Amino acid sequence: MTPDKLKKNFSRCPDWEEKYLYLIELGDRFATLDEAFHTEEYLVPGCQSQVWVTLSVEDEKIVLNASSDAAIVRGLLALLVIAFDGQPLSDARAFDLKGWFAELDLESHLTPTRTMGLNAIVNHVKALTDQHS
């Protein structure tokens, strides 16, 4: 799945209830970090839900895995996995994630708490990416 394909699929959902269901489905498919990594070391600070993220680089490409104890948050994590996993570091750094989220019209349909949590997750992933310069 690519960001463009996801955006196309997302636009086919007739209303936000369907989009939330699609997010939950994406979370079940893409935000599948093994429970062995559900530890303090991989916990993302600043989130109301429990969120765990691992990021490594293999052959100059990002390997991103994530999970959460909340279904909608797993869906939001799936968006990050779709955007970054398997991408070269340079492409990931150049990807306009906030612009993509705006195209999906995400933030206007998230609670302020979820929006703050999403921003914390995005900042955490960007910081992990920057560690692999």
Protein backbone atom coordinates (compact mmCIF):
# COMPACT_ATOMS: atom_id res chain seq x y z
CA MET A 1 0.00 0.00 0.00
CA THR A 2 1.28 3.46 -0.87
CA PRO A 3 0.23 6.83 0.54
CA ASP A 4 -1.51 7.67 -2.76
CA LYS A 5 -3.40 4.36 -2.79
CA LEU A 6 -4.47 4.89 0.80
CA LYS A 7 -5.65 8.42 0.02
CA LYS A 8 -7.71 7.07 -2.88
CA ASN A 9 -9.23 4.32 -0.70
CA PHE A 10 -9.91 6.83 2.08
CA SER A 11 -11.74 9.14 -0.34
CA ARG A 12 -14.06 6.27 -1.30
CA CYS A 13 -15.42 6.06 2.24
CA PRO A 14 -18.78 7.87 2.15
CA ASP A 15 -18.60 9.34 5.66
CA TRP A 16 -16.38 9.58 8.71
CA GLU A 17 -17.89 6.53 10.36
CA GLU A 18 -16.67 4.47 7.38
CA LYS A 19 -13.29 6.22 7.49
CA TYR A 20 -12.89 5.32 11.18
CA LEU A 21 -13.76 1.69 10.39
CA TYR A 22 -11.19 1.77 7.58
CA LEU A 23 -8.58 3.21 9.97
CA ILE A 24 -9.28 0.38 12.42
CA GLU A 25 -8.89 -2.16 9.61
CA LEU A 26 -5.59 -0.57 8.57
CA GLY A 27 -4.40 -0.73 12.17
CA ASP A 28 -5.14 -4.44 12.30
CA ARG A 29 -3.14 -4.95 9.09
CA PHE A 30 -0.19 -2.58 9.47
CA ALA A 31 0.30 -1.62 13.14
CA THR A 32 1.36 -5.05 14.29
CA LEU A 33 4.46 -4.57 16.41
CA ASP A 34 5.25 -7.79 18.26
CA GLU A 35 4.27 -7.69 21.93
CA ALA A 36 7.89 -8.39 22.88
CA PHE A 37 8.50 -4.71 22.01
CA HIS A 38 5.64 -3.41 24.17
CA THR A 39 8.14 -2.18 26.72
CA GLU A 40 9.11 1.14 28.28
CA GLU A 41 12.06 1.39 25.87
CA TYR A 42 9.77 1.68 22.83
CA LEU A 43 6.93 3.62 24.47
CA VAL A 44 6.15 6.98 22.86
CA PRO A 45 5.91 9.80 25.42
CA GLY A 46 3.07 12.30 25.24
CA CYS A 47 0.28 9.92 24.26
CA GLN A 48 -2.81 9.19 26.31
CA SER A 49 -2.91 5.67 24.87
CA GLN A 50 -0.03 3.24 25.10
CA VAL A 51 1.96 3.56 21.85
CA TRP A 52 5.10 1.61 20.97
CA VAL A 53 7.31 2.31 17.95
CA THR A 54 10.47 0.72 16.60
CA LEU A 55 12.47 2.15 13.73
CA SER A 56 15.61 0.78 12.17
CA VAL A 57 17.36 1.13 8.84
CA GLU A 58 18.26 -1.84 6.67
CA ASP A 59 19.88 -1.40 3.26
CA GLU A 60 19.29 2.38 3.51
CA LYS A 61 15.52 1.82 3.94
CA ILE A 62 13.37 2.44 6.98
CA VAL A 63 11.85 -0.49 8.85
CA LEU A 64 9.02 0.95 10.94
CA ASN A 65 6.79 -1.06 13.24
CA ALA A 66 4.25 0.23 15.72
CA SER A 67 1.29 -0.70 17.87
CA SER A 68 -1.10 0.73 20.44
CA ASP A 69 -3.65 -0.43 22.96
CA ALA A 70 -6.30 1.75 21.23
CA ALA A 71 -7.90 0.75 17.91
CA ILE A 72 -8.11 4.22 16.34
CA VAL A 73 -4.54 4.99 17.38
CA ARG A 74 -3.40 1.73 15.75
CA GLY A 75 -5.08 3.03 12.59
CA LEU A 76 -3.18 6.30 12.83
CA LEU A 77 0.03 4.34 13.37
CA ALA A 78 -0.78 2.31 10.27
CA LEU A 79 -0.76 5.56 8.30
CA LEU A 80 2.80 6.22 9.48
CA VAL A 81 3.86 2.67 8.65
CA ILE A 82 2.38 3.03 5.16
CA ALA A 83 4.12 6.39 4.67
CA PHE A 84 7.57 5.40 5.97
CA ASP A 85 8.17 1.63 6.07
CA GLY A 86 10.40 0.51 3.22
CA GLN A 87 11.22 4.07 2.15
CA PRO A 88 14.75 5.38 1.71
CA LEU A 89 15.75 7.71 4.55
CA SER A 90 15.95 10.69 2.19
CA ASP A 91 12.41 10.08 0.89
CA ALA A 92 11.05 9.67 4.41
CA ARG A 93 12.65 12.91 5.53
CA ALA A 94 11.22 14.74 2.50
CA PHE A 95 7.71 13.28 2.81
CA ASP A 96 5.18 15.97 3.79
CA LEU A 97 3.33 13.99 6.44
CA LYS A 98 1.35 16.95 7.78
CA GLY A 99 0.29 17.83 4.23
CA TRP A 100 -0.78 14.23 3.62
CA PHE A 101 -2.79 14.23 6.85
CA ALA A 102 -4.40 17.50 5.72
CA GLU A 103 -5.33 15.88 2.39
CA LEU A 104 -6.97 13.06 4.37
CA ASP A 105 -8.73 15.74 6.48
CA LEU A 106 -7.68 13.84 9.60
CA GLU A 107 -7.11 16.48 12.22
CA SER A 108 -10.55 18.07 11.87
CA HIS A 109 -12.09 14.70 12.76
CA LEU A 110 -9.86 13.82 15.70
CA THR A 111 -10.34 14.92 19.27
CA PRO A 112 -7.81 17.49 20.51
CA THR A 113 -6.25 14.78 22.70
CA ARG A 114 -5.82 12.44 19.72
CA THR A 115 -4.39 15.27 17.62
CA MET A 116 -1.82 16.04 20.33
CA GLY A 117 -0.99 12.33 20.58
CA LEU A 118 -0.65 12.05 16.81
CA ASN A 119 1.73 15.02 16.80
CA ALA A 120 3.77 13.37 19.59
CA ILE A 121 3.98 10.16 17.54
CA VAL A 122 4.98 12.03 14.36
CA ASN A 123 7.67 13.96 16.24
CA HIS A 124 8.93 10.73 17.82
CA VAL A 125 9.17 8.96 14.44
CA LYS A 126 10.96 11.97 12.91
CA ALA A 127 13.42 12.00 15.83
CA LEU A 128 14.08 8.28 15.34
CA THR A 129 14.61 8.89 11.63
CA ASP A 130 17.04 11.72 12.36
CA GLN A 131 19.10 9.39 14.58
CA HIS A 132 19.94 7.40 11.44
CA SER A 133 21.77 10.17 9.58
